[in-house]
Amino acid sequence: MGVEVVPKIVAQLGGDLNGIMPITEICKHQGVPRSTFYRWKKESGIETKTDKRVQKIVCLRHKYRYSYRKITSIFQSEQA
């Protein structure tokens, strides 16, 4: 590709476009392997807009009765 790609930008872009197009296509356009994308995403710790929306929905569904640990557990189980 010839141009250096910034990991944080690729991870954020991939997270924001995830609902619009598959990660495979996003990585293909950026010239980055999927495994590298996921490693960068994990290392950057960026939460996507979708992650925040799902967390909010989980909180609303349970009427804010659960602790942050329980909400995180529910959120992670729904992501799998």
PDB file of N, CA and C in Angstrom:
ATOM      1  N   MET A   1       0.818  -1.180   0.000  1.00  0.00           N
ATOM      2  CA  MET A   1       0.000   0.000   0.000  1.00  0.00           C
ATOM      3  C   MET A   1       0.867   1.251   0.000  1.00  0.00           C
ATOM      4  N   GLY A   2       2.008   1.207   0.732  1.00  0.00           N
ATOM      5  CA  GLY A   2       2.933   2.312   0.671  1.00  0.00           C
ATOM      6  C   GLY A   2       2.682   3.411   1.693  1.00  0.00           C
ATOM      7  N   VAL A   3       1.505   3.457   2.279  1.00  0.00           N
ATOM      8  CA  VAL A   3       1.181   4.485   3.259  1.00  0.00           C
ATOM      9  C   VAL A   3       0.991   3.810   4.609  1.00  0.00           C
ATOM     10  N   GLU A   4       1.613   4.395   5.638  1.00  0.00           N
ATOM     11  CA  GLU A   4       1.478   3.813   6.972  1.00  0.00           C
ATOM     12  C   GLU A   4       0.065   4.052   7.500  1.00  0.00           C
ATOM     13  N   VAL A   5      -0.507   3.009   8.070  1.00  0.00           N
ATOM     14  CA  VAL A   5      -1.864   3.073   8.592  1.00  0.00           C
ATOM     15  C   VAL A   5      -1.785   3.249  10.109  1.00  0.00           C
ATOM     16  N   VAL A   6      -2.581   4.153  10.643  1.00  0.00           N
ATOM     17  CA  VAL A   6      -2.601   4.408  12.079  1.00  0.00           C
ATOM     18  C   VAL A   6      -3.569   3.415  12.729  1.00  0.00           C
ATOM     19  N   PRO A   7      -3.059   2.566  13.633  1.00  0.00           N
ATOM     20  CA  PRO A   7      -3.889   1.522  14.231  1.00  0.00           C
ATOM     21  C   PRO A   7      -5.162   2.031  14.898  1.00  0.00           C
ATOM     22  N   LYS A   8      -5.057   3.112  15.661  1.00  0.00           N
ATOM     23  CA  LYS A   8      -6.218   3.620  16.385  1.00  0.00           C
ATOM     24  C   LYS A   8      -7.314   4.084  15.422  1.00  0.00           C
ATOM     25  N   ILE A   9      -6.932   4.710  14.336  1.00  0.00           N
ATOM     26  CA  ILE A   9      -7.905   5.197  13.350  1.00  0.00           C
ATOM     27  C   ILE A   9      -8.593   4.024  12.662  1.00  0.00           C
ATOM     28  N   VAL A  10      -7.831   3.008  12.292  1.00  0.00           N
ATOM     29  CA  VAL A  10      -8.406   1.831  11.636  1.00  0.00           C
ATOM     30  C   VAL A  10      -9.372   1.118  12.576  1.00  0.00           C
ATOM     31  N   ALA A  11      -8.998   0.983  13.845  1.00  0.00           N
ATOM     32  CA  ALA A  11      -9.862   0.324  14.827  1.00  0.00           C
ATOM     33  C   ALA A  11     -11.149   1.110  15.019  1.00  0.00           C
ATOM     34  N   GLN A  12     -11.047   2.425  15.095  1.00  0.00           N
ATOM     35  CA  GLN A  12     -12.237   3.256  15.283  1.00  0.00           C
ATOM     36  C   GLN A  12     -13.120   3.225  14.034  1.00  0.00           C
ATOM     37  N   LEU A  13     -12.517   3.330  12.874  1.00  0.00           N
ATOM     38  CA  LEU A  13     -13.275   3.279  11.622  1.00  0.00           C
ATOM     39  C   LEU A  13     -13.988   1.940  11.471  1.00  0.00           C
ATOM     40  N   GLY A  14     -13.282   0.864  11.772  1.00  0.00           N
ATOM     41  CA  GLY A  14     -13.883  -0.464  11.686  1.00  0.00           C
ATOM     42  C   GLY A  14     -15.055  -0.620  12.632  1.00  0.00           C
ATOM     43  N   GLY A  15     -14.935  -0.072  13.821  1.00  0.00           N
ATOM     44  CA  GLY A  15     -16.027  -0.150  14.788  1.00  0.00           C
ATOM     45  C   GLY A  15     -17.229   0.652  14.351  1.00  0.00           C
ATOM     46  N   ASP A  16     -16.998   1.821  13.775  1.00  0.00           N
ATOM     47  CA  ASP A  16     -18.101   2.680  13.346  1.00  0.00           C
ATOM     48  C   ASP A  16     -18.802   2.144  12.103  1.00  0.00           C
ATOM     49  N   LEU A  17     -18.063   1.500  11.219  1.00  0.00           N
ATOM     50  CA  LEU A  17     -18.650   0.980   9.980  1.00  0.00           C
ATOM     51  C   LEU A  17     -19.131  -0.459  10.092  1.00  0.00           C
ATOM     52  N   ASN A  18     -18.959  -1.072  11.237  1.00  0.00           N
ATOM     53  CA  ASN A  18     -19.264  -2.485  11.412  1.00  0.00           C
ATOM     54  C   ASN A  18     -20.695  -2.841  11.011  1.00  0.00           C
ATOM     55  N   GLY A  19     -21.669  -2.031  11.342  1.00  0.00           N
ATOM     56  CA  GLY A  19     -23.051  -2.332  10.987  1.00  0.00           C
ATOM     57  C   GLY A  19     -23.357  -2.083   9.528  1.00  0.00           C
ATOM     58  N   ILE A  20     -22.520  -1.308   8.865  1.00  0.00           N
ATOM     59  CA  ILE A  20     -22.764  -0.931   7.474  1.00  0.00           C
ATOM     60  C   ILE A  20     -22.142  -1.926   6.503  1.00  0.00           C
ATOM     61  N   MET A  21     -20.931  -2.348   6.787  1.00  0.00           N
ATOM     62  CA  MET A  21     -20.251  -3.317   5.922  1.00  0.00           C
ATOM     63  C   MET A  21     -19.447  -4.289   6.773  1.00  0.00           C
ATOM     64  N   PRO A  22     -19.182  -5.473   6.252  1.00  0.00           N
ATOM     65  CA  PRO A  22     -18.450  -6.484   7.028  1.00  0.00           C
ATOM     66  C   PRO A  22     -17.009  -6.053   7.327  1.00  0.00           C
ATOM     67  N   ILE A  23     -16.490  -6.539   8.449  1.00  0.00           N
ATOM     68  CA  ILE A  23     -15.116  -6.231   8.857  1.00  0.00           C
ATOM     69  C   ILE A  23     -14.125  -6.665   7.783  1.00  0.00           C
ATOM     70  N   THR A  24     -14.407  -7.780   7.121  1.00  0.00           N
ATOM     71  CA  THR A  24     -13.517  -8.267   6.059  1.00  0.00           C
ATOM     72  C   THR A  24     -13.339  -7.212   4.969  1.00  0.00           C
ATOM     73  N   GLU A  25     -14.438  -6.585   4.556  1.00  0.00           N
ATOM     74  CA  GLU A  25     -14.370  -5.557   3.515  1.00  0.00           C
ATOM     75  C   GLU A  25     -13.645  -4.307   4.014  1.00  0.00           C
ATOM     76  N   ILE A  26     -13.920  -3.926   5.247  1.00  0.00           N
ATOM     77  CA  ILE A  26     -13.252  -2.751   5.815  1.00  0.00           C
ATOM     78  C   ILE A  26     -11.745  -2.967   5.831  1.00  0.00           C
ATOM     79  N   CYS A  27     -11.330  -4.145   6.283  1.00  0.00           N
ATOM     80  CA  CYS A  27      -9.900  -4.468   6.337  1.00  0.00           C
ATOM     81  C   CYS A  27      -9.284  -4.519   4.946  1.00  0.00           C
ATOM     82  N   LYS A  28     -10.031  -5.055   4.006  1.00  0.00           N
ATOM     83  CA  LYS A  28      -9.549  -5.148   2.624  1.00  0.00           C
ATOM     84  C   LYS A  28      -9.283  -3.747   2.053  1.00  0.00           C
ATOM     85  N   HIS A  29     -10.200  -2.814   2.301  1.00  0.00           N
ATOM     86  CA  HIS A  29     -10.037  -1.448   1.796  1.00  0.00           C
ATOM     87  C   HIS A  29      -8.889  -0.711   2.490  1.00  0.00           C
ATOM     88  N   GLN A  30      -8.634  -1.054   3.748  1.00  0.00           N
ATOM     89  CA  GLN A  30      -7.552  -0.420   4.487  1.00  0.00           C
ATOM     90  C   GLN A  30      -6.205  -1.106   4.257  1.00  0.00           C
ATOM     91  N   GLY A  31      -6.244  -2.316   3.666  1.00  0.00           N
ATOM     92  CA  GLY A  31      -5.007  -3.056   3.423  1.00  0.00           C
ATOM     93  C   GLY A  31      -4.434  -3.649   4.706  1.00  0.00           C
ATOM     94  N   VAL A  32      -5.325  -4.047   5.611  1.00  0.00           N
ATOM     95  CA  VAL A  32      -4.922  -4.578   6.904  1.00  0.00           C
ATOM     96  C   VAL A  32      -5.549  -5.959   7.079  1.00  0.00           C
ATOM     97  N   PRO A  33      -4.785  -6.962   7.524  1.00  0.00           N
ATOM     98  CA  PRO A  33      -5.382  -8.272   7.802  1.00  0.00           C
ATOM     99  C   PRO A  33      -6.402  -8.177   8.945  1.00  0.00           C
ATOM    100  N   ARG A  34      -7.415  -9.026   8.895  1.00  0.00           N
ATOM    101  CA  ARG A  34      -8.458  -9.028   9.922  1.00  0.00           C
ATOM    102  C   ARG A  34      -7.888  -9.264  11.317  1.00  0.00           C
ATOM    103  N   SER A  35      -6.944 -10.192  11.425  1.00  0.00           N
ATOM    104  CA  SER A  35      -6.351 -10.485  12.737  1.00  0.00           C
ATOM    105  C   SER A  35      -5.655  -9.254  13.304  1.00  0.00           C
ATOM    106  N   THR A  36      -4.991  -8.492  12.450  1.00  0.00           N
ATOM    107  CA  THR A  36      -4.331  -7.257  12.894  1.00  0.00           C
ATOM    108  C   THR A  36      -5.362  -6.234  13.337  1.00  0.00           C
ATOM    109  N   PHE A  37      -6.454  -6.122  12.581  1.00  0.00           N
ATOM    110  CA  PHE A  37      -7.528  -5.197  12.954  1.00  0.00           C
ATOM    111  C   PHE A  37      -8.050  -5.511  14.361  1.00  0.00           C
ATOM    112  N   TYR A  38      -8.349  -6.784  14.619  1.00  0.00           N
ATOM    113  CA  TYR A  38      -8.890  -7.160  15.919  1.00  0.00           C
ATOM    114  C   TYR A  38      -7.868  -6.949  17.043  1.00  0.00           C
ATOM    115  N   ARG A  39      -6.595  -7.178  16.746  1.00  0.00           N
ATOM    116  CA  ARG A  39      -5.556  -6.929  17.751  1.00  0.00           C
ATOM    117  C   ARG A  39      -5.481  -5.436  18.053  1.00  0.00           C
ATOM    118  N   TRP A  40      -5.500  -4.589  17.025  1.00  0.00           N
ATOM    119  CA  TRP A  40      -5.465  -3.146  17.221  1.00  0.00           C
ATOM    120  C   TRP A  40      -6.697  -2.669  17.977  1.00  0.00           C
ATOM    121  N   LYS A  41      -7.842  -3.241  17.639  1.00  0.00           N
ATOM    122  CA  LYS A  41      -9.084  -2.842  18.316  1.00  0.00           C
ATOM    123  C   LYS A  41      -9.011  -3.166  19.800  1.00  0.00           C
ATOM    124  N   LYS A  42      -8.501  -4.348  20.120  1.00  0.00           N
ATOM    125  CA  LYS A  42      -8.374  -4.759  21.521  1.00  0.00           C
ATOM    126  C   LYS A  42      -7.378  -3.861  22.253  1.00  0.00           C
ATOM    127  N   GLU A  43      -6.255  -3.565  21.610  1.00  0.00           N
ATOM    128  CA  GLU A  43      -5.221  -2.745  22.233  1.00  0.00           C
ATOM    129  C   GLU A  43      -5.660  -1.299  22.411  1.00  0.00           C
ATOM    130  N   SER A  44      -6.475  -0.795  21.486  1.00  0.00           N
ATOM    131  CA  SER A  44      -6.882   0.609  21.559  1.00  0.00           C
ATOM    132  C   SER A  44      -7.938   0.836  22.627  1.00  0.00           C
ATOM    133  N   GLY A  45      -8.723  -0.202  22.927  1.00  0.00           N
ATOM    134  CA  GLY A  45      -9.757  -0.075  23.951  1.00  0.00           C
ATOM    135  C   GLY A  45     -10.894   0.835  23.540  1.00  0.00           C
ATOM    136  N   ILE A  46     -11.070   1.042  22.252  1.00  0.00           N
ATOM    137  CA  ILE A  46     -12.117   1.934  21.747  1.00  0.00           C
ATOM    138  C   ILE A  46     -13.465   1.235  21.811  1.00  0.00           C
ATOM    139  N   GLU A  47     -14.425   1.922  22.407  1.00  0.00           N
ATOM    140  CA  GLU A  47     -15.797   1.424  22.376  1.00  0.00           C
ATOM    141  C   GLU A  47     -16.472   2.040  21.158  1.00  0.00           C
ATOM    142  N   THR A  48     -17.187   1.240  20.437  1.00  0.00           N
ATOM    143  CA  THR A  48     -17.873   1.757  19.268  1.00  0.00           C
ATOM    144  C   THR A  48     -19.229   2.324  19.666  1.00  0.00           C
ATOM    145  N   LYS A  49     -19.843   3.041  18.741  1.00  0.00           N
ATOM    146  CA  LYS A  49     -21.170   3.590  18.996  1.00  0.00           C
ATOM    147  C   LYS A  49     -22.165   2.471  19.265  1.00  0.00           C
ATOM    148  N   THR A  50     -22.012   1.368  18.550  1.00  0.00           N
ATOM    149  CA  THR A  50     -22.902   0.230  18.735  1.00  0.00           C
ATOM    150  C   THR A  50     -22.754  -0.348  20.133  1.00  0.00           C
ATOM    151  N   ASP A  51     -21.532  -0.470  20.622  1.00  0.00           N
ATOM    152  CA  ASP A  51     -21.294  -0.988  21.974  1.00  0.00           C
ATOM    153  C   ASP A  51     -22.008  -0.134  23.013  1.00  0.00           C
ATOM    154  N   LYS A  52     -21.897   1.180  22.867  1.00  0.00           N
ATOM    155  CA  LYS A  52     -22.525   2.081  23.829  1.00  0.00           C
ATOM    156  C   LYS A  52     -24.045   1.974  23.773  1.00  0.00           C
ATOM    157  N   ARG A  53     -24.592   1.851  22.552  1.00  0.00           N
ATOM    158  CA  ARG A  53     -26.046   1.720  22.408  1.00  0.00           C
ATOM    159  C   ARG A  53     -26.548   0.436  23.040  1.00  0.00           C
ATOM    160  N   VAL A  54     -25.842  -0.656  22.810  1.00  0.00           N
ATOM    161  CA  VAL A  54     -26.260  -1.941  23.371  1.00  0.00           C
ATOM    162  C   VAL A  54     -26.184  -1.899  24.892  1.00  0.00           C
ATOM    163  N   GLN A  55     -25.145  -1.289  25.440  1.00  0.00           N
ATOM    164  CA  GLN A  55     -25.041  -1.164  26.894  1.00  0.00           C
ATOM    165  C   GLN A  55     -26.208  -0.356  27.448  1.00  0.00           C
ATOM    166  N   LYS A  56     -26.581   0.701  26.761  1.00  0.00           N
ATOM    167  CA  LYS A  56     -27.707   1.527  27.202  1.00  0.00           C
ATOM    168  C   LYS A  56     -29.006   0.715  27.164  1.00  0.00           C
ATOM    169  N   ILE A  57     -29.192  -0.068  26.108  1.00  0.00           N
ATOM    170  CA  ILE A  57     -30.392  -0.897  25.989  1.00  0.00           C
ATOM    171  C   ILE A  57     -30.447  -1.919  27.124  1.00  0.00           C
ATOM    172  N   VAL A  58     -29.310  -2.532  27.429  1.00  0.00           N
ATOM    173  CA  VAL A  58     -29.256  -3.506  28.523  1.00  0.00           C
ATOM    174  C   VAL A  58     -29.632  -2.823  29.836  1.00  0.00           C
ATOM    175  N   CYS A  59     -29.113  -1.631  30.070  1.00  0.00           N
ATOM    176  CA  CYS A  59     -29.441  -0.899  31.297  1.00  0.00           C
ATOM    177  C   CYS A  59     -30.932  -0.583  31.362  1.00  0.00           C
ATOM    178  N   LEU A  60     -31.493  -0.111  30.256  1.00  0.00           N
ATOM    179  CA  LEU A  60     -32.913   0.220  30.232  1.00  0.00           C
ATOM    180  C   LEU A  60     -33.782  -1.014  30.428  1.00  0.00           C
ATOM    181  N   ARG A  61     -33.402  -2.104  29.788  1.00  0.00           N
ATOM    182  CA  ARG A  61     -34.180  -3.330  29.882  1.00  0.00           C
ATOM    183  C   ARG A  61     -34.259  -3.825  31.327  1.00  0.00           C
ATOM    184  N   HIS A  62     -33.181  -3.626  32.069  1.00  0.00           N
ATOM    185  CA  HIS A  62     -33.139  -4.092  33.456  1.00  0.00           C
ATOM    186  C   HIS A  62     -33.405  -2.958  34.449  1.00  0.00           C
ATOM    187  N   LYS A  63     -33.856  -1.825  33.934  1.00  0.00           N
ATOM    188  CA  LYS A  63     -34.283  -0.673  34.736  1.00  0.00           C
ATOM    189  C   LYS A  63     -33.215  -0.203  35.727  1.00  0.00           C
ATOM    190  N   TYR A  64     -31.968  -0.265  35.282  1.00  0.00           N
ATOM    191  CA  TYR A  64     -30.823   0.216  36.067  1.00  0.00           C
ATOM    192  C   TYR A  64     -30.733  -0.440  37.445  1.00  0.00           C
ATOM    193  N   ARG A  65     -31.206  -1.659  37.558  1.00  0.00           N
ATOM    194  CA  ARG A  65     -31.186  -2.365  38.849  1.00  0.00           C
ATOM    195  C   ARG A  65     -29.893  -3.135  39.089  1.00  0.00           C
ATOM    196  N   TYR A  66     -29.127  -3.389  38.030  1.00  0.00           N
ATOM    197  CA  TYR A  66     -27.933  -4.211  38.159  1.00  0.00           C
ATOM    198  C   TYR A  66     -26.690  -3.346  38.314  1.00  0.00           C
ATOM    199  N   SER A  67     -25.662  -3.933  38.919  1.00  0.00           N
ATOM    200  CA  SER A  67     -24.378  -3.251  39.051  1.00  0.00           C
ATOM    201  C   SER A  67     -23.658  -3.239  37.707  1.00  0.00           C
ATOM    202  N   TYR A  68     -22.590  -2.474  37.629  1.00  0.00           N
ATOM    203  CA  TYR A  68     -21.837  -2.393  36.385  1.00  0.00           C
ATOM    204  C   TYR A  68     -21.249  -3.748  36.005  1.00  0.00           C
ATOM    205  N   ARG A  69     -20.910  -4.572  36.995  1.00  0.00           N
ATOM    206  CA  ARG A  69     -20.347  -5.895  36.694  1.00  0.00           C
ATOM    207  C   ARG A  69     -21.388  -6.796  36.041  1.00  0.00           C
ATOM    208  N   LYS A  70     -22.602  -6.764  36.553  1.00  0.00           N
ATOM    209  CA  LYS A  70     -23.685  -7.579  35.995  1.00  0.00           C
ATOM    210  C   LYS A  70     -24.024  -7.096  34.582  1.00  0.00           C
ATOM    211  N   ILE A  71     -24.096  -5.789  34.386  1.00  0.00           N
ATOM    212  CA  ILE A  71     -24.387  -5.224  33.063  1.00  0.00           C
ATOM    213  C   ILE A  71     -23.291  -5.623  32.075  1.00  0.00           C
ATOM    214  N   THR A  72     -22.037  -5.549  32.499  1.00  0.00           N
ATOM    215  CA  THR A  72     -20.924  -5.936  31.634  1.00  0.00           C
ATOM    216  C   THR A  72     -21.021  -7.407  31.274  1.00  0.00           C
ATOM    217  N   SER A  73     -21.365  -8.248  32.229  1.00  0.00           N
ATOM    218  CA  SER A  73     -21.513  -9.678  31.982  1.00  0.00           C
ATOM    219  C   SER A  73     -22.635  -9.956  30.970  1.00  0.00           C
ATOM    220  N   ILE A  74     -23.763  -9.302  31.151  1.00  0.00           N
ATOM    221  CA  ILE A  74     -24.887  -9.459  30.207  1.00  0.00           C
ATOM    222  C   ILE A  74     -24.483  -8.957  28.830  1.00  0.00           C
ATOM    223  N   PHE A  75     -23.840  -7.810  28.786  1.00  0.00           N
ATOM    224  CA  PHE A  75     -23.403  -7.227  27.523  1.00  0.00           C
ATOM    225  C   PHE A  75     -22.464  -8.167  26.773  1.00  0.00           C
ATOM    226  N   GLN A  76     -21.499  -8.740  27.483  1.00  0.00           N
ATOM    227  CA  GLN A  76     -20.536  -9.626  26.839  1.00  0.00           C
ATOM    228  C   GLN A  76     -21.190 -10.925  26.378  1.00  0.00           C
ATOM    229  N   SER A  77     -22.141 -11.430  27.136  1.00  0.00           N
ATOM    230  CA  SER A  77     -22.820 -12.670  26.728  1.00  0.00           C
ATOM    231  C   SER A  77     -23.708 -12.435  25.509  1.00  0.00           C
ATOM    232  N   GLU A  78     -24.265 -11.235  25.374  1.00  0.00           N
ATOM    233  CA  GLU A  78     -25.093 -10.922  24.203  1.00  0.00           C
ATOM    234  C   GLU A  78     -24.239 -10.673  22.967  1.00  0.00           C
ATOM    235  N   GLN A  79     -22.990 -10.260  23.144  1.00  0.00           N
ATOM    236  CA  GLN A  79     -22.099 -10.015  22.024  1.00  0.00           C
ATOM    237  C   GLN A  79     -21.607 -11.325  21.398  1.00  0.00           C
ATOM    238  N   ALA A  80     -21.552 -12.382  22.166  1.00  0.00           N
ATOM    239  CA  ALA A  80     -21.033 -13.667  21.689  1.00  0.00           C
ATOM    240  C   ALA A  80     -22.018 -14.387  20.799  1.00  0.00           C
TER     241      ALA A  80
END
